[in-house]
PDB file of N, CA and C in Angstrom:
ATOM      1  N   MET A   1       8.488  22.780   9.132  1.00  0.00           N
ATOM      2  CA  MET A   1       9.219  24.019   8.989  1.00  0.00           C
ATOM      3  C   MET A   1      10.708  23.796   9.244  1.00  0.00           C
ATOM      4  N   PHE A   2      11.073  23.115  10.308  1.00  0.00           N
ATOM      5  CA  PHE A   2      12.480  22.872  10.602  1.00  0.00           C
ATOM      6  C   PHE A   2      12.917  21.604   9.900  1.00  0.00           C
ATOM      7  N   ASN A   3      13.902  21.720   9.069  1.00  0.00           N
ATOM      8  CA  ASN A   3      14.398  20.598   8.291  1.00  0.00           C
ATOM      9  C   ASN A   3      15.660  20.060   8.953  1.00  0.00           C
ATOM     10  N   ASP A   4      15.579  18.875   9.538  1.00  0.00           N
ATOM     11  CA  ASP A   4      16.707  18.301  10.264  1.00  0.00           C
ATOM     12  C   ASP A   4      17.851  17.898   9.352  1.00  0.00           C
ATOM     13  N   ARG A   5      17.567  17.576   8.115  1.00  0.00           N
ATOM     14  CA  ARG A   5      18.606  17.045   7.237  1.00  0.00           C
ATOM     15  C   ARG A   5      19.509  18.124   6.662  1.00  0.00           C
ATOM     16  N   TRP A   6      18.960  19.258   6.340  1.00  0.00           N
ATOM     17  CA  TRP A   6      19.716  20.307   5.664  1.00  0.00           C
ATOM     18  C   TRP A   6      19.703  21.568   6.504  1.00  0.00           C
ATOM     19  N   ARG A   7      20.723  21.728   7.301  1.00  0.00           N
ATOM     20  CA  ARG A   7      20.826  22.915   8.140  1.00  0.00           C
ATOM     21  C   ARG A   7      22.296  23.285   8.278  1.00  0.00           C
ATOM     22  N   PHE A   8      22.511  24.555   8.579  1.00  0.00           N
ATOM     23  CA  PHE A   8      23.862  25.080   8.660  1.00  0.00           C
ATOM     24  C   PHE A   8      24.022  25.820   9.980  1.00  0.00           C
ATOM     25  N   PRO A   9      25.085  25.564  10.745  1.00  0.00           N
ATOM     26  CA  PRO A   9      25.298  26.350  11.962  1.00  0.00           C
ATOM     27  C   PRO A   9      25.677  27.780  11.573  1.00  0.00           C
ATOM     28  N   VAL A  10      25.001  28.757  12.178  1.00  0.00           N
ATOM     29  CA  VAL A  10      25.258  30.158  11.832  1.00  0.00           C
ATOM     30  C   VAL A  10      25.626  31.009  13.038  1.00  0.00           C
ATOM     31  N   GLY A  11      25.658  30.413  14.218  1.00  0.00           N
ATOM     32  CA  GLY A  11      26.032  31.189  15.391  1.00  0.00           C
ATOM     33  C   GLY A  11      25.941  30.368  16.656  1.00  0.00           C
ATOM     34  N   VAL A  12      26.520  30.930  17.706  1.00  0.00           N
ATOM     35  CA  VAL A  12      26.496  30.293  19.020  1.00  0.00           C
ATOM     36  C   VAL A  12      26.079  31.348  20.036  1.00  0.00           C
ATOM     37  N   LEU A  13      25.082  31.023  20.850  1.00  0.00           N
ATOM     38  CA  LEU A  13      24.620  31.940  21.888  1.00  0.00           C
ATOM     39  C   LEU A  13      25.592  31.954  23.055  1.00  0.00           C
ATOM     40  N   ASP A  14      25.669  33.092  23.744  1.00  0.00           N
ATOM     41  CA  ASP A  14      26.416  33.090  24.994  1.00  0.00           C
ATOM     42  C   ASP A  14      25.527  32.458  26.069  1.00  0.00           C
ATOM     43  N   ASP A  15      26.074  32.238  27.254  1.00  0.00           N
ATOM     44  CA  ASP A  15      25.336  31.532  28.305  1.00  0.00           C
ATOM     45  C   ASP A  15      24.061  32.258  28.729  1.00  0.00           C
ATOM     46  N   ASP A  16      24.097  33.595  28.801  1.00  0.00           N
ATOM     47  CA  ASP A  16      22.905  34.350  29.203  1.00  0.00           C
ATOM     48  C   ASP A  16      21.768  34.184  28.198  1.00  0.00           C
ATOM     49  N   LEU A  17      22.096  34.254  26.912  1.00  0.00           N
ATOM     50  CA  LEU A  17      21.053  34.086  25.896  1.00  0.00           C
ATOM     51  C   LEU A  17      20.539  32.652  25.865  1.00  0.00           C
ATOM     52  N   LYS A  18      21.409  31.697  26.093  1.00  0.00           N
ATOM     53  CA  LYS A  18      20.974  30.297  26.149  1.00  0.00           C
ATOM     54  C   LYS A  18      19.917  30.130  27.240  1.00  0.00           C
ATOM     55  N   LYS A  19      20.140  30.761  28.386  1.00  0.00           N
ATOM     56  CA  LYS A  19      19.160  30.705  29.485  1.00  0.00           C
ATOM     57  C   LYS A  19      17.851  31.367  29.074  1.00  0.00           C
ATOM     58  N   LEU A  20      17.947  32.481  28.358  1.00  0.00           N
ATOM     59  CA  LEU A  20      16.750  33.191  27.904  1.00  0.00           C
ATOM     60  C   LEU A  20      15.877  32.296  27.025  1.00  0.00           C
ATOM     61  N   PHE A  21      16.513  31.489  26.203  1.00  0.00           N
ATOM     62  CA  PHE A  21      15.783  30.570  25.326  1.00  0.00           C
ATOM     63  C   PHE A  21      15.364  29.291  26.044  1.00  0.00           C
ATOM     64  N   GLU A  22      15.920  29.069  27.238  1.00  0.00           N
ATOM     65  CA  GLU A  22      15.682  27.821  27.973  1.00  0.00           C
ATOM     66  C   GLU A  22      16.031  26.629  27.091  1.00  0.00           C
ATOM     67  N   ALA A  23      17.108  26.776  26.337  1.00  0.00           N
ATOM     68  CA  ALA A  23      17.491  25.766  25.353  1.00  0.00           C
ATOM     69  C   ALA A  23      18.573  24.846  25.904  1.00  0.00           C
ATOM     70  N   GLU A  24      18.597  23.634  25.379  1.00  0.00           N
ATOM     71  CA  GLU A  24      19.624  22.671  25.751  1.00  0.00           C
ATOM     72  C   GLU A  24      20.930  22.953  25.021  1.00  0.00           C
ATOM     73  N   ASN A  25      20.838  23.614  23.889  1.00  0.00           N
ATOM     74  CA  ASN A  25      21.964  23.786  22.992  1.00  0.00           C
ATOM     75  C   ASN A  25      22.266  25.262  22.808  1.00  0.00           C
ATOM     76  N   LYS A  26      23.482  25.611  22.458  1.00  0.00           N
ATOM     77  CA  LYS A  26      23.852  27.002  22.208  1.00  0.00           C
ATOM     78  C   LYS A  26      23.998  27.307  20.717  1.00  0.00           C
ATOM     79  N   THR A  27      24.042  26.281  19.889  1.00  0.00           N
ATOM     80  CA  THR A  27      24.246  26.471  18.454  1.00  0.00           C
ATOM     81  C   THR A  27      22.940  26.858  17.773  1.00  0.00           C
ATOM     82  N   VAL A  28      22.999  27.891  16.943  1.00  0.00           N
ATOM     83  CA  VAL A  28      21.841  28.341  16.169  1.00  0.00           C
ATOM     84  C   VAL A  28      22.057  27.897  14.722  1.00  0.00           C
ATOM     85  N   TYR A  29      21.022  27.287  14.152  1.00  0.00           N
ATOM     86  CA  TYR A  29      21.091  26.769  12.787  1.00  0.00           C
ATOM     87  C   TYR A  29      20.211  27.586  11.855  1.00  0.00           C
ATOM     88  N   LEU A  30      20.581  27.596  10.595  1.00  0.00           N
ATOM     89  CA  LEU A  30      19.755  28.133   9.516  1.00  0.00           C
ATOM     90  C   LEU A  30      19.369  26.945   8.656  1.00  0.00           C
ATOM     91  N   SER A  31      18.076  26.716   8.512  1.00  0.00           N
ATOM     92  CA  SER A  31      17.637  25.568   7.709  1.00  0.00           C
ATOM     93  C   SER A  31      17.739  25.895   6.223  1.00  0.00           C
ATOM     94  N   TYR A  32      17.830  24.856   5.446  1.00  0.00           N
ATOM     95  CA  TYR A  32      17.868  25.005   3.994  1.00  0.00           C
ATOM     96  C   TYR A  32      16.588  25.688   3.511  1.00  0.00           C
ATOM     97  N   ASP A  33      15.449  25.348   4.120  1.00  0.00           N
ATOM     98  CA  ASP A  33      14.175  25.970   3.742  1.00  0.00           C
ATOM     99  C   ASP A  33      14.208  27.482   3.973  1.00  0.00           C
ATOM    100  N   THR A  34      14.756  27.906   5.107  1.00  0.00           N
ATOM    101  CA  THR A  34      14.852  29.334   5.397  1.00  0.00           C
ATOM    102  C   THR A  34      15.807  30.014   4.429  1.00  0.00           C
ATOM    103  N   LEU A  35      16.901  29.356   4.116  1.00  0.00           N
ATOM    104  CA  LEU A  35      17.848  29.913   3.154  1.00  0.00           C
ATOM    105  C   LEU A  35      17.185  30.116   1.788  1.00  0.00           C
ATOM    106  N   LEU A  36      16.402  29.134   1.340  1.00  0.00           N
ATOM    107  CA  LEU A  36      15.681  29.270   0.066  1.00  0.00           C
ATOM    108  C   LEU A  36      14.663  30.400   0.127  1.00  0.00           C
ATOM    109  N   LYS A  37      13.928  30.487   1.242  1.00  0.00           N
ATOM    110  CA  LYS A  37      12.940  31.556   1.418  1.00  0.00           C
ATOM    111  C   LYS A  37      13.628  32.914   1.354  1.00  0.00           C
ATOM    112  N   ASN A  38      14.753  33.039   2.036  1.00  0.00           N
ATOM    113  CA  ASN A  38      15.474  34.308   2.028  1.00  0.00           C
ATOM    114  C   ASN A  38      16.008  34.650   0.647  1.00  0.00           C
ATOM    115  N   LYS A  39      16.497  33.667  -0.048  1.00  0.00           N
ATOM    116  CA  LYS A  39      17.027  33.922  -1.398  1.00  0.00           C
ATOM    117  C   LYS A  39      15.929  34.480  -2.303  1.00  0.00           C
ATOM    118  N   GLN A  40      14.718  33.967  -2.146  1.00  0.00           N
ATOM    119  CA  GLN A  40      13.593  34.420  -2.962  1.00  0.00           C
ATOM    120  C   GLN A  40      13.054  35.771  -2.487  1.00  0.00           C
ATOM    121  N   ASN A  41      12.860  35.933  -1.174  1.00  0.00           N
ATOM    122  CA  ASN A  41      12.205  37.125  -0.639  1.00  0.00           C
ATOM    123  C   ASN A  41      13.155  38.273  -0.313  1.00  0.00           C
ATOM    124  N   HIS A  42      14.431  37.977  -0.151  1.00  0.00           N
ATOM    125  CA  HIS A  42      15.406  39.009   0.217  1.00  0.00           C
ATOM    126  C   HIS A  42      16.676  38.864  -0.625  1.00  0.00           C
ATOM    127  N   PRO A  43      16.551  39.053  -1.942  1.00  0.00           N
ATOM    128  CA  PRO A  43      17.711  38.873  -2.822  1.00  0.00           C
ATOM    129  C   PRO A  43      18.821  39.893  -2.567  1.00  0.00           C
ATOM    130  N   GLU A  44      18.509  40.953  -1.818  1.00  0.00           N
ATOM    131  CA  GLU A  44      19.526  41.964  -1.516  1.00  0.00           C
ATOM    132  C   GLU A  44      20.584  41.459  -0.530  1.00  0.00           C
ATOM    133  N   LEU A  45      20.287  40.382   0.182  1.00  0.00           N
ATOM    134  CA  LEU A  45      21.260  39.826   1.128  1.00  0.00           C
ATOM    135  C   LEU A  45      22.432  39.208   0.377  1.00  0.00           C
ATOM    136  N   THR A  46      23.622  39.535   0.833  1.00  0.00           N
ATOM    137  CA  THR A  46      24.835  39.026   0.194  1.00  0.00           C
ATOM    138  C   THR A  46      25.506  38.001   1.104  1.00  0.00           C
ATOM    139  N   ILE A  47      26.492  37.322   0.578  1.00  0.00           N
ATOM    140  CA  ILE A  47      27.253  36.375   1.386  1.00  0.00           C
ATOM    141  C   ILE A  47      27.921  37.109   2.550  1.00  0.00           C
ATOM    142  N   GLU A  48      28.311  38.366   2.326  1.00  0.00           N
ATOM    143  CA  GLU A  48      28.905  39.162   3.401  1.00  0.00           C
ATOM    144  C   GLU A  48      27.902  39.384   4.531  1.00  0.00           C
ATOM    145  N   ASP A  49      26.629  39.577   4.182  1.00  0.00           N
ATOM    146  CA  ASP A  49      25.592  39.724   5.209  1.00  0.00           C
ATOM    147  C   ASP A  49      25.463  38.442   6.025  1.00  0.00           C
ATOM    148  N   TYR A  50      25.424  37.308   5.348  1.00  0.00           N
ATOM    149  CA  TYR A  50      25.307  36.027   6.055  1.00  0.00           C
ATOM    150  C   TYR A  50      26.519  35.776   6.954  1.00  0.00           C
ATOM    151  N   ARG A  51      27.667  36.297   6.555  1.00  0.00           N
ATOM    152  CA  ARG A  51      28.870  36.142   7.386  1.00  0.00           C
ATOM    153  C   ARG A  51      28.762  36.926   8.689  1.00  0.00           C
ATOM    154  N   LEU A  52      27.852  37.891   8.760  1.00  0.00           N
ATOM    155  CA  LEU A  52      27.642  38.665   9.984  1.00  0.00           C
ATOM    156  C   LEU A  52      26.766  37.936  10.999  1.00  0.00           C
ATOM    157  N   LEU A  53      26.067  36.886  10.573  1.00  0.00           N
ATOM    158  CA  LEU A  53      25.151  36.182  11.480  1.00  0.00           C
ATOM    159  C   LEU A  53      25.791  35.737  12.794  1.00  0.00           C
ATOM    160  N   PRO A  54      26.975  35.145  12.800  1.00  0.00           N
ATOM    161  CA  PRO A  54      27.547  34.740  14.093  1.00  0.00           C
ATOM    162  C   PRO A  54      27.687  35.906  15.076  1.00  0.00           C
ATOM    163  N   GLY A  55      28.090  37.071  14.578  1.00  0.00           N
ATOM    164  CA  GLY A  55      28.220  38.241  15.440  1.00  0.00           C
ATOM    165  C   GLY A  55      26.884  38.772  15.912  1.00  0.00           C
ATOM    166  N   ILE A  56      25.883  38.756  15.038  1.00  0.00           N
ATOM    167  CA  ILE A  56      24.542  39.209  15.421  1.00  0.00           C
ATOM    168  C   ILE A  56      24.001  38.313  16.526  1.00  0.00           C
ATOM    169  N   ILE A  57      24.210  37.023  16.381  1.00  0.00           N
ATOM    170  CA  ILE A  57      23.671  36.055  17.336  1.00  0.00           C
ATOM    171  C   ILE A  57      24.437  36.081  18.655  1.00  0.00           C
ATOM    172  N   TYR A  58      25.747  36.265  18.612  1.00  0.00           N
ATOM    173  CA  TYR A  58      26.536  36.176  19.839  1.00  0.00           C
ATOM    174  C   TYR A  58      26.620  37.494  20.598  1.00  0.00           C
ATOM    175  N   LYS A  59      26.793  38.590  19.881  1.00  0.00           N
ATOM    176  CA  LYS A  59      26.991  39.883  20.538  1.00  0.00           C
ATOM    177  C   LYS A  59      25.698  40.374  21.163  1.00  0.00           C
ATOM    178  N   LYS A  60      25.869  41.160  22.197  1.00  0.00           N
ATOM    179  CA  LYS A  60      24.693  41.705  22.871  1.00  0.00           C
ATOM    180  C   LYS A  60      24.335  43.060  22.259  1.00  0.00           C
ATOM    181  N   ASN A  61      23.747  43.017  21.093  1.00  0.00           N
ATOM    182  CA  ASN A  61      23.225  44.211  20.460  1.00  0.00           C
ATOM    183  C   ASN A  61      21.786  44.372  20.938  1.00  0.00           C
ATOM    184  N   LEU A  62      20.967  45.018  20.156  1.00  0.00           N
ATOM    185  CA  LEU A  62      19.560  45.159  20.511  1.00  0.00           C
ATOM    186  C   LEU A  62      18.878  43.803  20.386  1.00  0.00           C
ATOM    187  N   ILE A  63      18.267  43.361  21.481  1.00  0.00           N
ATOM    188  CA  ILE A  63      17.544  42.086  21.490  1.00  0.00           C
ATOM    189  C   ILE A  63      16.156  42.344  22.055  1.00  0.00           C
ATOM    190  N   ILE A  64      15.144  41.905  21.318  1.00  0.00           N
ATOM    191  CA  ILE A  64      13.754  42.066  21.741  1.00  0.00           C
ATOM    192  C   ILE A  64      13.103  40.695  21.762  1.00  0.00           C
ATOM    193  N   LYS A  65      12.416  40.397  22.862  1.00  0.00           N
ATOM    194  CA  LYS A  65      11.698  39.127  22.987  1.00  0.00           C
ATOM    195  C   LYS A  65      10.226  39.383  22.694  1.00  0.00           C
ATOM    196  N   SER A  66       9.666  38.543  21.835  1.00  0.00           N
ATOM    197  CA  SER A  66       8.243  38.620  21.529  1.00  0.00           C
ATOM    198  C   SER A  66       7.724  37.198  21.401  1.00  0.00           C
ATOM    199  N   GLY A  67       6.979  36.750  22.386  1.00  0.00           N
ATOM    200  CA  GLY A  67       6.522  35.364  22.397  1.00  0.00           C
ATOM    201  C   GLY A  67       7.717  34.445  22.500  1.00  0.00           C
ATOM    202  N   GLU A  68       7.756  33.443  21.656  1.00  0.00           N
ATOM    203  CA  GLU A  68       8.870  32.487  21.659  1.00  0.00           C
ATOM    204  C   GLU A  68      10.072  32.986  20.865  1.00  0.00           C
ATOM    205  N   ALA A  69       9.872  34.040  20.083  1.00  0.00           N
ATOM    206  CA  ALA A  69      10.942  34.535  19.210  1.00  0.00           C
ATOM    207  C   ALA A  69      11.777  35.599  19.908  1.00  0.00           C
ATOM    208  N   LYS A  70      13.039  35.660  19.518  1.00  0.00           N
ATOM    209  CA  LYS A  70      13.932  36.725  19.945  1.00  0.00           C
ATOM    210  C   LYS A  70      14.405  37.423  18.676  1.00  0.00           C
ATOM    211  N   TYR A  71      14.251  38.726  18.659  1.00  0.00           N
ATOM    212  CA  TYR A  71      14.640  39.532  17.507  1.00  0.00           C
ATOM    213  C   TYR A  71      15.975  40.192  17.819  1.00  0.00           C
ATOM    214  N   MET A  72      16.977  39.953  16.992  1.00  0.00           N
ATOM    215  CA  MET A  72      18.319  40.473  17.225  1.00  0.00           C
ATOM    216  C   MET A  72      18.696  41.408  16.084  1.00  0.00           C
ATOM    217  N   PHE A  73      19.086  42.623  16.447  1.00  0.00           N
ATOM    218  CA  PHE A  73      19.384  43.648  15.450  1.00  0.00           C
ATOM    219  C   PHE A  73      20.844  44.067  15.535  1.00  0.00           C
ATOM    220  N   ILE A  74      21.412  44.432  14.394  1.00  0.00           N
ATOM    221  CA  ILE A  74      22.753  45.001  14.356  1.00  0.00           C
ATOM    222  C   ILE A  74      22.779  46.063  13.260  1.00  0.00           C
ATOM    223  N   PRO A  75      23.366  47.238  13.565  1.00  0.00           N
ATOM    224  CA  PRO A  75      23.455  48.265  12.521  1.00  0.00           C
ATOM    225  C   PRO A  75      24.473  47.888  11.451  1.00  0.00           C
ATOM    226  N   LYS A  76      24.137  48.235  10.210  1.00  0.00           N
ATOM    227  CA  LYS A  76      25.076  48.010   9.101  1.00  0.00           C
ATOM    228  C   LYS A  76      24.810  49.045   8.009  1.00  0.00           C
ATOM    229  N   ASP A  77      25.801  49.859   7.746  1.00  0.00           N
ATOM    230  CA  ASP A  77      25.741  50.837   6.656  1.00  0.00           C
ATOM    231  C   ASP A  77      24.485  51.698   6.702  1.00  0.00           C
ATOM    232  N   GLY A  78      24.142  52.225   7.871  1.00  0.00           N
ATOM    233  CA  GLY A  78      22.979  53.094   8.004  1.00  0.00           C
ATOM    234  C   GLY A  78      21.650  52.370   8.040  1.00  0.00           C
ATOM    235  N   GLN A  79      21.669  51.060   7.960  1.00  0.00           N
ATOM    236  CA  GLN A  79      20.458  50.243   8.057  1.00  0.00           C
ATOM    237  C   GLN A  79      20.643  49.276   9.232  1.00  0.00           C
ATOM    238  N   TYR A  80      19.731  48.345   9.353  1.00  0.00           N
ATOM    239  CA  TYR A  80      19.844  47.321  10.385  1.00  0.00           C
ATOM    240  C   TYR A  80      19.602  45.950   9.777  1.00  0.00           C
ATOM    241  N   LEU A  81      20.342  44.983  10.263  1.00  0.00           N
ATOM    242  CA  LEU A  81      20.067  43.585   9.940  1.00  0.00           C
ATOM    243  C   LEU A  81      19.301  42.986  11.104  1.00  0.00           C
ATOM    244  N   LEU A  82      18.320  42.165  10.788  1.00  0.00           N
ATOM    245  CA  LEU A  82      17.479  41.508  11.787  1.00  0.00           C
ATOM    246  C   LEU A  82      17.603  40.004  11.629  1.00  0.00           C
ATOM    247  N   ALA A  83      17.912  39.337  12.723  1.00  0.00           N
ATOM    248  CA  ALA A  83      17.903  37.871  12.763  1.00  0.00           C
ATOM    249  C   ALA A  83      16.873  37.457  13.800  1.00  0.00           C
ATOM    250  N   VAL A  84      15.927  36.618  13.399  1.00  0.00           N
ATOM    251  CA  VAL A  84      14.915  36.102  14.321  1.00  0.00           C
ATOM    252  C   VAL A  84      15.321  34.684  14.693  1.00  0.00           C
ATOM    253  N   VAL A  85      15.440  34.436  15.990  1.00  0.00           N
ATOM    254  CA  VAL A  85      15.869  33.127  16.476  1.00  0.00           C
ATOM    255  C   VAL A  85      14.771  32.542  17.351  1.00  0.00           C
ATOM    256  N   LYS A  86      14.481  31.264  17.124  1.00  0.00           N
ATOM    257  CA  LYS A  86      13.472  30.547  17.910  1.00  0.00           C
ATOM    258  C   LYS A  86      14.017  29.188  18.315  1.00  0.00           C
ATOM    259  N   ALA A  87      13.541  28.714  19.457  1.00  0.00           N
ATOM    260  CA  ALA A  87      13.866  27.355  19.897  1.00  0.00           C
ATOM    261  C   ALA A  87      12.784  26.416  19.381  1.00  0.00           C
ATOM    262  N   THR A  88      13.154  25.164  19.147  1.00  0.00           N
ATOM    263  CA  THR A  88      12.148  24.163  18.792  1.00  0.00           C
ATOM    264  C   THR A  88      11.254  23.940  20.009  1.00  0.00           C
ATOM    265  N   LYS A  89      10.096  23.350  19.801  1.00  0.00           N
ATOM    266  CA  LYS A  89       9.145  23.140  20.902  1.00  0.00           C
ATOM    267  C   LYS A  89       9.748  22.368  22.061  1.00  0.00           C
ATOM    268  N   ASP A  90      10.607  21.404  21.749  1.00  0.00           N
ATOM    269  CA  ASP A  90      11.228  20.613  22.817  1.00  0.00           C
ATOM    270  C   ASP A  90      12.459  21.305  23.412  1.00  0.00           C
ATOM    271  N   LYS A  91      12.777  22.508  22.935  1.00  0.00           N
ATOM    272  CA  LYS A  91      13.888  23.331  23.429  1.00  0.00           C
ATOM    273  C   LYS A  91      15.264  22.712  23.189  1.00  0.00           C
ATOM    274  N   LYS A  92      15.327  21.711  22.328  1.00  0.00           N
ATOM    275  CA  LYS A  92      16.605  21.046  22.087  1.00  0.00           C
ATOM    276  C   LYS A  92      17.469  21.784  21.077  1.00  0.00           C
ATOM    277  N   GLU A  93      16.826  22.492  20.135  1.00  0.00           N
ATOM    278  CA  GLU A  93      17.595  23.149  19.087  1.00  0.00           C
ATOM    279  C   GLU A  93      17.099  24.571  18.862  1.00  0.00           C
ATOM    280  N   LEU A  94      17.974  25.368  18.265  1.00  0.00           N
ATOM    281  CA  LEU A  94      17.683  26.764  17.965  1.00  0.00           C
ATOM    282  C   LEU A  94      17.848  27.005  16.470  1.00  0.00           C
ATOM    283  N   PHE A  95      16.910  27.768  15.904  1.00  0.00           N
ATOM    284  CA  PHE A  95      16.963  28.073  14.476  1.00  0.00           C
ATOM    285  C   PHE A  95      16.789  29.565  14.235  1.00  0.00           C
ATOM    286  N   CYS A  96      17.538  30.071  13.278  1.00  0.00           N
ATOM    287  CA  CYS A  96      17.320  31.413  12.758  1.00  0.00           C
ATOM    288  C   CYS A  96      16.211  31.255  11.718  1.00  0.00           C
ATOM    289  N   THR A  97      15.035  31.771  12.021  1.00  0.00           N
ATOM    290  CA  THR A  97      13.879  31.562  11.149  1.00  0.00           C
ATOM    291  C   THR A  97      13.666  32.698  10.155  1.00  0.00           C
ATOM    292  N   SER A  98      14.387  33.798  10.364  1.00  0.00           N
ATOM    293  CA  SER A  98      14.281  34.918   9.438  1.00  0.00           C
ATOM    294  C   SER A  98      15.561  35.742   9.540  1.00  0.00           C
ATOM    295  N   PHE A  99      15.985  36.279   8.411  1.00  0.00           N
ATOM    296  CA  PHE A  99      17.164  37.135   8.365  1.00  0.00           C
ATOM    297  C   PHE A  99      16.944  38.119   7.235  1.00  0.00           C
ATOM    298  N   ARG A 100      17.013  39.414   7.562  1.00  0.00           N
ATOM    299  CA  ARG A 100      16.730  40.420   6.542  1.00  0.00           C
ATOM    300  C   ARG A 100      17.184  41.794   7.014  1.00  0.00           C
ATOM    301  N   TYR A 101      17.144  42.748   6.093  1.00  0.00           N
ATOM    302  CA  TYR A 101      17.357  44.142   6.449  1.00  0.00           C
ATOM    303  C   TYR A 101      16.059  44.697   7.013  1.00  0.00           C
ATOM    304  N   THR A 102      16.185  45.657   7.896  1.00  0.00           N
ATOM    305  CA  THR A 102      15.020  46.310   8.476  1.00  0.00           C
ATOM    306  C   THR A 102      15.345  47.790   8.664  1.00  0.00           C
ATOM    307  N   ASN A 103      14.432  48.524   9.290  1.00  0.00           N
ATOM    308  CA  ASN A 103      14.613  49.967   9.434  1.00  0.00           C
ATOM    309  C   ASN A 103      14.187  50.418  10.833  1.00  0.00           C
ATOM    310  N   PRO A 104      14.467  51.665  11.199  1.00  0.00           N
ATOM    311  CA  PRO A 104      14.111  52.149  12.538  1.00  0.00           C
ATOM    312  C   PRO A 104      12.621  52.051  12.859  1.00  0.00           C
ATOM    313  N   ASP A 105      11.751  52.227  11.868  1.00  0.00           N
ATOM    314  CA  ASP A 105      10.309  52.097  12.131  1.00  0.00           C
ATOM    315  C   ASP A 105       9.945  50.672  12.535  1.00  0.00           C
ATOM    316  N   ASP A 106      10.546  49.696  11.872  1.00  0.00           N
ATOM    317  CA  ASP A 106      10.339  48.289  12.248  1.00  0.00           C
ATOM    318  C   ASP A 106      10.805  48.040  13.677  1.00  0.00           C
ATOM    319  N   ILE A 107      11.955  48.607  14.012  1.00  0.00           N
ATOM    320  CA  ILE A 107      12.494  48.416  15.357  1.00  0.00           C
ATOM    321  C   ILE A 107      11.540  49.001  16.394  1.00  0.00           C
ATOM    322  N   LYS A 108      10.993  50.187  16.129  1.00  0.00           N
ATOM    323  CA  LYS A 108      10.007  50.788  17.044  1.00  0.00           C
ATOM    324  C   LYS A 108       8.805  49.864  17.210  1.00  0.00           C
ATOM    325  N   TYR A 109       8.345  49.273  16.112  1.00  0.00           N
ATOM    326  CA  TYR A 109       7.216  48.343  16.159  1.00  0.00           C
ATOM    327  C   TYR A 109       7.536  47.150  17.058  1.00  0.00           C
ATOM    328  N   TYR A 110       8.712  46.547  16.857  1.00  0.00           N
ATOM    329  CA  TYR A 110       9.086  45.384  17.660  1.00  0.00           C
ATOM    330  C   TYR A 110       9.262  45.751  19.129  1.00  0.00           C
ATOM    331  N   LYS A 111       9.747  46.961  19.401  1.00  0.00           N
ATOM    332  CA  LYS A 111       9.894  47.395  20.794  1.00  0.00           C
ATOM    333  C   LYS A 111       8.533  47.521  21.474  1.00  0.00           C
ATOM    334  N   LYS A 112       7.535  48.016  20.741  1.00  0.00           N
ATOM    335  CA  LYS A 112       6.181  48.129  21.298  1.00  0.00           C
ATOM    336  C   LYS A 112       5.548  46.757  21.492  1.00  0.00           C
ATOM    337  N   LYS A 113       5.815  45.868  20.566  1.00  0.00           N
ATOM    338  CA  LYS A 113       5.212  44.532  20.556  1.00  0.00           C
ATOM    339  C   LYS A 113       5.839  43.603  21.596  1.00  0.00           C
ATOM    340  N   GLY A 114       7.120  43.792  21.878  1.00  0.00           N
ATOM    341  CA  GLY A 114       7.837  42.841  22.724  1.00  0.00           C
ATOM    342  C   GLY A 114       8.477  43.475  23.940  1.00  0.00           C
ATOM    343  N   ILE A 115       9.441  42.766  24.492  1.00  0.00           N
ATOM    344  CA  ILE A 115      10.184  43.200  25.670  1.00  0.00           C
ATOM    345  C   ILE A 115      11.644  43.364  25.264  1.00  0.00           C
ATOM    346  N   VAL A 116      12.203  44.534  25.540  1.00  0.00           N
ATOM    347  CA  VAL A 116      13.608  44.773  25.218  1.00  0.00           C
ATOM    348  C   VAL A 116      14.467  44.046  26.253  1.00  0.00           C
ATOM    349  N   ILE A 117      15.277  43.120  25.788  1.00  0.00           N
ATOM    350  CA  ILE A 117      16.165  42.333  26.648  1.00  0.00           C
ATOM    351  C   ILE A 117      17.517  43.024  26.776  1.00  0.00           C
ATOM    352  N   ASN A 118      17.983  43.607  25.701  1.00  0.00           N
ATOM    353  CA  ASN A 118      19.275  44.295  25.685  1.00  0.00           C
ATOM    354  C   ASN A 118      19.208  45.427  24.674  1.00  0.00           C
ATOM    355  N   GLU A 119      19.810  46.556  25.031  1.00  0.00           N
ATOM    356  CA  GLU A 119      19.813  47.682  24.089  1.00  0.00           C
ATOM    357  C   GLU A 119      21.187  48.302  24.041  1.00  0.00           C
TER     358      GLU A 119
END
């Protein structure tokens, strides 16, 4: 799933979030595989949306922890963007494994499923 050869840095965690992930690194990467998946499954995402990733990852917006994943939301134009960030098993690296638009019903679902870290 994680492709070491083709990845792009898309954000940097602050120190508190780095601790939450128990990660060695603060840089969050987007793999080429995830980018291809998003291009196919979420064609509505624009380059402007991808440019928001560093802010979504760094700013303390709504963050929900569910298992190993952290769900990070940011409002945009009456909708929400969702970035899912996970650490590798060895905790050495962080990857954005999903990026898409979502809605308030999805957010309610994630709040029930997980633990709200920041709101």
